Amino acid sequence: MPWKAISHAIGFDTGRTSVLDAIGAWWERLRRELAAHRTPGYRTVAFTIAVTTLAAKMAKADGVALPIEERAFERVFDIPKGEEENFRRLYDLAAQDIAGFEVYASKIASLLADEPEMLNALLECLFHVAAADGILHPDEDLFLRIVADKFGLSRAEFLSIRAGFINDPCSPYQILGVMPSLSDEDLKLRHRELVREHHPDKLAMTGVPPELRCAATRRLAAINAAYDQIKAERATERQRLGRLNEA
């Protein structure tokens, strides 16, 4: 993501103290930029500001924005040398409260309207940051559910992504987004489909930038683990039924 000109874009250089005050200004600037240069949405300063702000407000959703969450974001999005101060000022301002987070989620969804893979990847990255402290607070969970809704993701898609990062006692079927009644053959097809969709190489081929592919390996591991668990459970059940039939 572009980090240059963040200070100017959100008004640090003019003494503006509220990030929310700048929404209208940077959105109009983005509209002109896209119209004039056909710049991909995820490569704009506006997108960088929106993602940073959304992540900071998510960290604040449980009442306290922890340093470990900020560090997780920095690792995921690779803040360039020399831009650390601008990033931290923006992050700290945004993390004061969660006000307006829906606006930022909607702006991001608008920017990536034609790139659903990036919206999925971005939600995965937000879960990666949220889970950095080892706990998903109920308020963070609700925050991310609302973000997913603003992104246009279904409930099933949200739960499938969530299950890849949160160690809840949830069904492996939920991770794969299928019903337990699905046949073995259809289950295999679903697994192959998900592996193709979430493989880092596939995301790269579809244009998803490196910073939004950060969680792909972890997500893919969860998908494979869920599939292996279902196969093992079904094999055990077939053996049990076989023994019963022999008795």
C-alpha atoms as a PDB file:
ATOM      1  CA  MET A   1       0.000   0.000   0.000  1.00  0.00           C
ATOM      2  CA  PRO A   2       1.193   3.585  -0.600  1.00  0.00           C
ATOM      3  CA  TRP A   3       2.375   5.291   2.577  1.00  0.00           C
ATOM      4  CA  LYS A   4       3.785   8.479   1.122  1.00  0.00           C
ATOM      5  CA  ALA A   5       1.730  11.645   1.579  1.00  0.00           C
ATOM      6  CA  ILE A   6      -0.321  10.266   4.476  1.00  0.00           C
ATOM      7  CA  SER A   7       0.548  13.284   6.574  1.00  0.00           C
ATOM      8  CA  HIS A   8      -0.785  15.678   3.965  1.00  0.00           C
ATOM      9  CA  ALA A   9      -3.776  13.522   3.052  1.00  0.00           C
ATOM     10  CA  ILE A  10      -5.256  13.454   6.534  1.00  0.00           C
ATOM     11  CA  GLY A  11      -4.206  16.944   7.530  1.00  0.00           C
ATOM     12  CA  PHE A  12      -1.347  16.379   9.994  1.00  0.00           C
ATOM     13  CA  ASP A  13       0.432  19.197   8.251  1.00  0.00           C
ATOM     14  CA  THR A  14      -2.485  21.592   8.779  1.00  0.00           C
ATOM     15  CA  GLY A  15      -3.073  20.787  12.421  1.00  0.00           C
ATOM     16  CA  ARG A  16      -6.233  18.749  11.912  1.00  0.00           C
ATOM     17  CA  THR A  17      -6.742  16.589  15.003  1.00  0.00           C
ATOM     18  CA  SER A  18      -9.606  14.329  13.964  1.00  0.00           C
ATOM     19  CA  VAL A  19      -9.226  11.684  11.289  1.00  0.00           C
ATOM     20  CA  LEU A  20     -12.975  11.688  10.765  1.00  0.00           C
ATOM     21  CA  ASP A  21     -12.816  15.377   9.790  1.00  0.00           C
ATOM     22  CA  ALA A  22     -10.862  14.373   6.708  1.00  0.00           C
ATOM     23  CA  ILE A  23     -13.199  11.679   5.311  1.00  0.00           C
ATOM     24  CA  GLY A  24     -14.961  13.936   2.844  1.00  0.00           C
ATOM     25  CA  ALA A  25     -11.768  15.622   1.698  1.00  0.00           C
ATOM     26  CA  TRP A  26      -9.727  12.518   0.986  1.00  0.00           C
ATOM     27  CA  TRP A  27     -12.670  10.709  -0.581  1.00  0.00           C
ATOM     28  CA  GLU A  28     -13.226  13.535  -3.069  1.00  0.00           C
ATOM     29  CA  ARG A  29      -9.487  13.580  -3.760  1.00  0.00           C
ATOM     30  CA  LEU A  30      -9.597   9.842  -4.389  1.00  0.00           C
ATOM     31  CA  ARG A  31     -12.533  10.186  -6.786  1.00  0.00           C
ATOM     32  CA  ARG A  32     -10.587  12.667  -8.885  1.00  0.00           C
ATOM     33  CA  GLU A  33      -7.458  10.522  -8.740  1.00  0.00           C
ATOM     34  CA  LEU A  34      -9.256   7.416  -9.930  1.00  0.00           C
ATOM     35  CA  ALA A  35     -11.012   9.287 -12.715  1.00  0.00           C
ATOM     36  CA  ALA A  36      -7.838  10.926 -13.968  1.00  0.00           C
ATOM     37  CA  HIS A  37      -5.338   8.092 -13.650  1.00  0.00           C
ATOM     38  CA  ARG A  38      -7.388   4.899 -13.295  1.00  0.00           C
ATOM     39  CA  THR A  39      -5.354   4.084 -10.203  1.00  0.00           C
ATOM     40  CA  PRO A  40      -6.251   0.713  -8.612  1.00  0.00           C
ATOM     41  CA  GLY A  41      -8.182   1.399  -5.423  1.00  0.00           C
ATOM     42  CA  TYR A  42      -5.856  -0.580  -3.179  1.00  0.00           C
ATOM     43  CA  ARG A  43      -2.875   1.506  -4.324  1.00  0.00           C
ATOM     44  CA  THR A  44      -4.320   4.841  -3.230  1.00  0.00           C
ATOM     45  CA  VAL A  45      -3.474   6.831  -0.124  1.00  0.00           C
ATOM     46  CA  ALA A  46      -7.177   6.790   0.723  1.00  0.00           C
ATOM     47  CA  PHE A  47      -7.153   2.992   0.895  1.00  0.00           C
ATOM     48  CA  THR A  48      -4.077   3.008   3.115  1.00  0.00           C
ATOM     49  CA  ILE A  49      -5.731   5.485   5.468  1.00  0.00           C
ATOM     50  CA  ALA A  50      -8.992   3.526   5.543  1.00  0.00           C
ATOM     51  CA  VAL A  51      -7.334   0.177   6.282  1.00  0.00           C
ATOM     52  CA  THR A  52      -5.055   1.613   8.963  1.00  0.00           C
ATOM     53  CA  THR A  53      -7.977   3.403  10.599  1.00  0.00           C
ATOM     54  CA  LEU A  54     -10.215   0.342  10.463  1.00  0.00           C
ATOM     55  CA  ALA A  55      -7.545  -1.857  12.058  1.00  0.00           C
ATOM     56  CA  ALA A  56      -6.876   0.697  14.812  1.00  0.00           C
ATOM     57  CA  LYS A  57     -10.566   1.040  15.626  1.00  0.00           C
ATOM     58  CA  MET A  58     -10.933  -2.740  15.694  1.00  0.00           C
ATOM     59  CA  ALA A  59      -8.122  -2.905  18.255  1.00  0.00           C
ATOM     60  CA  LYS A  60     -10.054  -0.369  20.343  1.00  0.00           C
ATOM     61  CA  ALA A  61     -13.337  -2.287  20.077  1.00  0.00           C
ATOM     62  CA  ASP A  62     -12.689  -4.193  23.317  1.00  0.00           C
ATOM     63  CA  GLY A  63     -11.904  -0.953  25.157  1.00  0.00           C
ATOM     64  CA  VAL A  64      -8.100  -1.094  25.003  1.00  0.00           C
ATOM     65  CA  ALA A  65      -5.943  -0.913  21.872  1.00  0.00           C
ATOM     66  CA  LEU A  66      -2.983  -3.110  22.763  1.00  0.00           C
ATOM     67  CA  PRO A  67       0.562  -2.564  21.464  1.00  0.00           C
ATOM     68  CA  ILE A  68       0.719  -6.199  20.337  1.00  0.00           C
ATOM     69  CA  GLU A  69      -2.152  -5.540  17.922  1.00  0.00           C
ATOM     70  CA  GLU A  70      -0.401  -2.505  16.495  1.00  0.00           C
ATOM     71  CA  ARG A  71       2.791  -4.517  16.048  1.00  0.00           C
ATOM     72  CA  ALA A  72       0.823  -7.270  14.304  1.00  0.00           C
ATOM     73  CA  PHE A  73      -0.544  -4.696  11.867  1.00  0.00           C
ATOM     74  CA  GLU A  74       2.938  -3.300  11.222  1.00  0.00           C
ATOM     75  CA  ARG A  75       4.255  -6.788  10.457  1.00  0.00           C
ATOM     76  CA  VAL A  76       1.359  -7.566   8.143  1.00  0.00           C
ATOM     77  CA  PHE A  77       1.459  -4.344   6.148  1.00  0.00           C
ATOM     78  CA  ASP A  78       5.228  -3.700   6.251  1.00  0.00           C
ATOM     79  CA  ILE A  79       5.462  -0.004   7.112  1.00  0.00           C
ATOM     80  CA  PRO A  80       8.273   1.482   4.982  1.00  0.00           C
ATOM     81  CA  LYS A  81      11.280   3.006   6.673  1.00  0.00           C
ATOM     82  CA  GLY A  82      10.688   6.706   7.198  1.00  0.00           C
ATOM     83  CA  GLU A  83       6.900   6.395   7.350  1.00  0.00           C
ATOM     84  CA  GLU A  84       6.691   4.972  10.881  1.00  0.00           C
ATOM     85  CA  GLU A  85       5.862   8.310  12.496  1.00  0.00           C
ATOM     86  CA  ASN A  86       3.026   9.100  10.092  1.00  0.00           C
ATOM     87  CA  PHE A  87       1.638   5.590  10.567  1.00  0.00           C
ATOM     88  CA  ARG A  88       1.724   5.777  14.358  1.00  0.00           C
ATOM     89  CA  ARG A  89       0.100   9.216  14.448  1.00  0.00           C
ATOM     90  CA  LEU A  90      -2.723   8.003  12.223  1.00  0.00           C
ATOM     91  CA  TYR A  91      -3.083   4.750  14.146  1.00  0.00           C
ATOM     92  CA  ASP A  92      -3.102   6.478  17.540  1.00  0.00           C
ATOM     93  CA  LEU A  93      -5.691   9.025  16.418  1.00  0.00           C
ATOM     94  CA  ALA A  94      -7.963   6.341  14.990  1.00  0.00           C
ATOM     95  CA  ALA A  95      -7.586   4.124  18.057  1.00  0.00           C
ATOM     96  CA  GLN A  96      -9.083   6.747  20.360  1.00  0.00           C
ATOM     97  CA  ASP A  97     -12.564   5.303  19.722  1.00  0.00           C
ATOM     98  CA  ILE A  98     -14.473   3.188  17.212  1.00  0.00           C
ATOM     99  CA  ALA A  99     -16.654   6.030  15.890  1.00  0.00           C
ATOM    100  CA  GLY A 100     -17.173   5.912  12.145  1.00  0.00           C
ATOM    101  CA  PHE A 101     -15.639   2.498  11.523  1.00  0.00           C
ATOM    102  CA  GLU A 102     -18.616   1.477   9.383  1.00  0.00           C
ATOM    103  CA  VAL A 103     -17.847   4.406   7.080  1.00  0.00           C
ATOM    104  CA  TYR A 104     -14.305   3.200   6.522  1.00  0.00           C
ATOM    105  CA  ALA A 105     -15.481  -0.366   5.900  1.00  0.00           C
ATOM    106  CA  SER A 106     -17.974   0.901   3.337  1.00  0.00           C
ATOM    107  CA  LYS A 107     -15.328   3.033   1.618  1.00  0.00           C
ATOM    108  CA  ILE A 108     -13.014   0.034   1.351  1.00  0.00           C
ATOM    109  CA  ALA A 109     -15.850  -2.096  -0.037  1.00  0.00           C
ATOM    110  CA  SER A 110     -16.500   0.579  -2.649  1.00  0.00           C
ATOM    111  CA  LEU A 111     -12.836   0.734  -3.628  1.00  0.00           C
ATOM    112  CA  LEU A 112     -12.642  -3.048  -3.999  1.00  0.00           C
ATOM    113  CA  ALA A 113     -16.135  -3.597  -5.408  1.00  0.00           C
ATOM    114  CA  ASP A 114     -14.754  -5.455  -8.427  1.00  0.00           C
ATOM    115  CA  GLU A 115     -12.149  -7.408  -6.455  1.00  0.00           C
ATOM    116  CA  PRO A 116     -13.919  -9.720  -3.966  1.00  0.00           C
ATOM    117  CA  GLU A 117     -10.756 -11.756  -3.409  1.00  0.00           C
ATOM    118  CA  MET A 118      -9.144  -8.683  -1.866  1.00  0.00           C
ATOM    119  CA  LEU A 119     -12.081  -8.083   0.464  1.00  0.00           C
ATOM    120  CA  ASN A 120     -11.812 -11.677   1.717  1.00  0.00           C
ATOM    121  CA  ALA A 121      -8.048 -11.340   2.093  1.00  0.00           C
ATOM    122  CA  LEU A 122      -8.415  -8.054   3.962  1.00  0.00           C
ATOM    123  CA  LEU A 123     -10.900  -9.559   6.428  1.00  0.00           C
ATOM    124  CA  GLU A 124      -8.450 -12.410   6.989  1.00  0.00           C
ATOM    125  CA  CYS A 125      -5.736  -9.849   7.762  1.00  0.00           C
ATOM    126  CA  LEU A 126      -8.021  -8.061  10.232  1.00  0.00           C
ATOM    127  CA  PHE A 127      -8.665 -11.366  11.999  1.00  0.00           C
ATOM    128  CA  HIS A 128      -4.914 -11.947  12.081  1.00  0.00           C
ATOM    129  CA  VAL A 129      -4.483  -8.631  13.905  1.00  0.00           C
ATOM    130  CA  ALA A 130      -7.476  -9.218  16.189  1.00  0.00           C
ATOM    131  CA  ALA A 131      -6.136 -12.621  17.248  1.00  0.00           C
ATOM    132  CA  ALA A 132      -2.629 -11.287  17.929  1.00  0.00           C
ATOM    133  CA  ASP A 133      -3.249 -11.166  21.682  1.00  0.00           C
ATOM    134  CA  GLY A 134      -4.636 -14.708  21.686  1.00  0.00           C
ATOM    135  CA  ILE A 135      -8.185 -13.593  22.513  1.00  0.00           C
ATOM    136  CA  LEU A 136     -11.075 -12.466  20.330  1.00  0.00           C
ATOM    137  CA  HIS A 137     -13.176 -10.206  22.550  1.00  0.00           C
ATOM    138  CA  PRO A 138     -16.955 -10.372  21.873  1.00  0.00           C
ATOM    139  CA  ASP A 139     -16.908  -6.695  20.897  1.00  0.00           C
ATOM    140  CA  GLU A 140     -14.109  -7.339  18.390  1.00  0.00           C
ATOM    141  CA  ASP A 141     -16.112 -10.269  17.067  1.00  0.00           C
ATOM    142  CA  LEU A 142     -19.171  -8.047  16.585  1.00  0.00           C
ATOM    143  CA  PHE A 143     -16.991  -5.338  15.003  1.00  0.00           C
ATOM    144  CA  LEU A 144     -15.663  -7.798  12.426  1.00  0.00           C
ATOM    145  CA  ARG A 145     -19.134  -9.171  11.720  1.00  0.00           C
ATOM    146  CA  ILE A 146     -20.296  -5.665  10.849  1.00  0.00           C
ATOM    147  CA  VAL A 147     -17.207  -5.121   8.688  1.00  0.00           C
ATOM    148  CA  ALA A 148     -17.911  -8.379   6.847  1.00  0.00           C
ATOM    149  CA  ASP A 149     -21.474  -7.220   6.245  1.00  0.00           C
ATOM    150  CA  LYS A 150     -20.204  -3.895   4.860  1.00  0.00           C
ATOM    151  CA  PHE A 151     -17.844  -5.880   2.635  1.00  0.00           C
ATOM    152  CA  GLY A 152     -20.846  -7.760   1.263  1.00  0.00           C
ATOM    153  CA  LEU A 153     -19.746 -11.127   2.652  1.00  0.00           C
ATOM    154  CA  SER A 154     -22.345 -13.692   3.644  1.00  0.00           C
ATOM    155  CA  ARG A 155     -22.710 -15.070   7.159  1.00  0.00           C
ATOM    156  CA  ALA A 156     -21.282 -18.391   5.961  1.00  0.00           C
ATOM    157  CA  GLU A 157     -18.259 -16.660   4.408  1.00  0.00           C
ATOM    158  CA  PHE A 158     -17.643 -14.715   7.615  1.00  0.00           C
ATOM    159  CA  LEU A 159     -17.835 -17.836   9.798  1.00  0.00           C
ATOM    160  CA  SER A 160     -15.566 -19.748   7.446  1.00  0.00           C
ATOM    161  CA  ILE A 161     -12.886 -17.029   7.622  1.00  0.00           C
ATOM    162  CA  ARG A 162     -13.358 -16.621  11.375  1.00  0.00           C
ATOM    163  CA  ALA A 163     -12.929 -20.334  12.017  1.00  0.00           C
ATOM    164  CA  GLY A 164      -9.506 -20.237  10.399  1.00  0.00           C
ATOM    165  CA  PHE A 165      -8.156 -17.863  13.068  1.00  0.00           C
ATOM    166  CA  ILE A 166     -10.175 -18.365  16.219  1.00  0.00           C
ATOM    167  CA  ASN A 167      -9.631 -21.514  18.234  1.00  0.00           C
ATOM    168  CA  ASP A 168     -13.270 -22.122  19.082  1.00  0.00           C
ATOM    169  CA  PRO A 169     -14.755 -25.598  19.476  1.00  0.00           C
ATOM    170  CA  CYS A 170     -16.459 -25.180  16.109  1.00  0.00           C
ATOM    171  CA  SER A 171     -17.307 -27.804  13.517  1.00  0.00           C
ATOM    172  CA  PRO A 172     -14.788 -28.458  10.731  1.00  0.00           C
ATOM    173  CA  TYR A 173     -17.796 -28.317   8.407  1.00  0.00           C
ATOM    174  CA  GLN A 174     -18.167 -24.656   9.353  1.00  0.00           C
ATOM    175  CA  ILE A 175     -14.589 -23.966   8.311  1.00  0.00           C
ATOM    176  CA  LEU A 176     -15.321 -25.453   4.890  1.00  0.00           C
ATOM    177  CA  GLY A 177     -18.728 -23.775   4.721  1.00  0.00           C
ATOM    178  CA  VAL A 178     -20.645 -27.006   4.023  1.00  0.00           C
ATOM    179  CA  MET A 179     -23.334 -29.139   5.635  1.00  0.00           C
ATOM    180  CA  PRO A 180     -22.448 -32.458   7.352  1.00  0.00           C
ATOM    181  CA  SER A 181     -24.778 -34.235   4.909  1.00  0.00           C
ATOM    182  CA  LEU A 182     -22.465 -33.436   1.967  1.00  0.00           C
ATOM    183  CA  SER A 183     -21.249 -36.558   0.157  1.00  0.00           C
ATOM    184  CA  ASP A 184     -17.604 -37.601   0.240  1.00  0.00           C
ATOM    185  CA  GLU A 185     -17.186 -36.751  -3.439  1.00  0.00           C
ATOM    186  CA  ASP A 186     -18.755 -33.297  -3.114  1.00  0.00           C
ATOM    187  CA  LEU A 187     -16.696 -32.688   0.024  1.00  0.00           C
ATOM    188  CA  LYS A 188     -13.531 -33.463  -1.934  1.00  0.00           C
ATOM    189  CA  LEU A 189     -14.604 -31.038  -4.669  1.00  0.00           C
ATOM    190  CA  ARG A 190     -15.329 -28.338  -2.080  1.00  0.00           C
ATOM    191  CA  HIS A 191     -11.916 -28.836  -0.504  1.00  0.00           C
ATOM    192  CA  ARG A 192     -10.183 -28.521  -3.852  1.00  0.00           C
ATOM    193  CA  GLU A 193     -12.187 -25.375  -4.615  1.00  0.00           C
ATOM    194  CA  LEU A 194     -11.189 -23.732  -1.334  1.00  0.00           C
ATOM    195  CA  VAL A 195      -7.532 -24.688  -1.746  1.00  0.00           C
ATOM    196  CA  ARG A 196      -7.509 -23.064  -5.176  1.00  0.00           C
ATOM    197  CA  GLU A 197      -9.254 -19.928  -3.880  1.00  0.00           C
ATOM    198  CA  HIS A 198      -6.984 -19.413  -0.863  1.00  0.00           C
ATOM    199  CA  HIS A 199      -3.647 -20.588  -2.207  1.00  0.00           C
ATOM    200  CA  PRO A 200      -1.144 -17.700  -2.046  1.00  0.00           C
ATOM    201  CA  ASP A 201      -0.100 -18.314  -5.659  1.00  0.00           C
ATOM    202  CA  LYS A 202      -3.711 -18.043  -6.847  1.00  0.00           C
ATOM    203  CA  LEU A 203      -4.188 -14.813  -4.913  1.00  0.00           C
ATOM    204  CA  ALA A 204      -1.037 -13.414  -6.505  1.00  0.00           C
ATOM    205  CA  MET A 205      -2.296 -14.345  -9.987  1.00  0.00           C
ATOM    206  CA  THR A 206      -5.607 -12.578  -9.365  1.00  0.00           C
ATOM    207  CA  GLY A 207      -3.808  -9.372  -8.419  1.00  0.00           C
ATOM    208  CA  VAL A 208      -4.103  -9.479  -4.627  1.00  0.00           C
ATOM    209  CA  PRO A 209      -1.081  -7.486  -3.333  1.00  0.00           C
ATOM    210  CA  PRO A 210       1.405  -9.128  -0.917  1.00  0.00           C
ATOM    211  CA  GLU A 211       0.137  -7.236   2.136  1.00  0.00           C
ATOM    212  CA  LEU A 212      -3.338  -8.730   1.654  1.00  0.00           C
ATOM    213  CA  ARG A 213      -1.967 -12.250   1.237  1.00  0.00           C
ATOM    214  CA  CYS A 214      -0.488 -12.256   4.738  1.00  0.00           C
ATOM    215  CA  ALA A 215      -2.988 -14.672   6.228  1.00  0.00           C
ATOM    216  CA  ALA A 216      -3.366 -17.013   3.250  1.00  0.00           C
ATOM    217  CA  THR A 217      -0.990 -19.691   4.545  1.00  0.00           C
ATOM    218  CA  ARG A 218      -2.694 -19.825   7.946  1.00  0.00           C
ATOM    219  CA  ARG A 219      -6.126 -19.926   6.344  1.00  0.00           C
ATOM    220  CA  LEU A 220      -5.075 -22.686   3.953  1.00  0.00           C
ATOM    221  CA  ALA A 221      -3.715 -24.738   6.852  1.00  0.00           C
ATOM    222  CA  ALA A 222      -7.069 -24.458   8.653  1.00  0.00           C
ATOM    223  CA  ILE A 223      -8.922 -25.604   5.522  1.00  0.00           C
ATOM    224  CA  ASN A 224      -6.667 -28.637   5.108  1.00  0.00           C
ATOM    225  CA  ALA A 225      -6.908 -29.507   8.808  1.00  0.00           C
ATOM    226  CA  ALA A 226     -10.709 -29.333   8.705  1.00  0.00           C
ATOM    227  CA  TYR A 227     -10.851 -31.585   5.638  1.00  0.00           C
ATOM    228  CA  ASP A 228      -8.485 -34.110   7.222  1.00  0.00           C
ATOM    229  CA  GLN A 229     -10.566 -34.094  10.410  1.00  0.00           C
ATOM    230  CA  ILE A 230     -13.787 -34.791   8.518  1.00  0.00           C
ATOM    231  CA  LYS A 231     -12.181 -37.607   6.534  1.00  0.00           C
ATOM    232  CA  ALA A 232     -10.841 -39.193   9.727  1.00  0.00           C
ATOM    233  CA  GLU A 233     -14.203 -38.868  11.503  1.00  0.00           C
ATOM    234  CA  ARG A 234     -16.047 -40.415   8.556  1.00  0.00           C
ATOM    235  CA  ALA A 235     -13.564 -43.277   8.307  1.00  0.00           C
ATOM    236  CA  THR A 236     -13.967 -43.969  12.034  1.00  0.00           C
ATOM    237  CA  GLU A 237     -17.752 -43.911  11.688  1.00  0.00           C
ATOM    238  CA  ARG A 238     -17.666 -46.348   8.758  1.00  0.00           C
ATOM    239  CA  GLN A 239     -15.496 -48.716  10.787  1.00  0.00           C
ATOM    240  CA  ARG A 240     -17.896 -48.496  13.723  1.00  0.00           C
ATOM    241  CA  LEU A 241     -20.900 -49.250  11.519  1.00  0.00           C
ATOM    242  CA  GLY A 242     -19.009 -52.133   9.924  1.00  0.00           C
ATOM    243  CA  ARG A 243     -18.324 -53.709  13.313  1.00  0.00           C
ATOM    244  CA  LEU A 244     -21.985 -53.297  14.265  1.00  0.00           C
ATOM    245  CA  ASN A 245     -23.101 -55.030  11.084  1.00  0.00           C
ATOM    246  CA  GLU A 246     -20.736 -57.915  11.722  1.00  0.00           C
ATOM    247  CA  ALA A 247     -21.986 -58.406  15.275  1.00  0.00           C
END
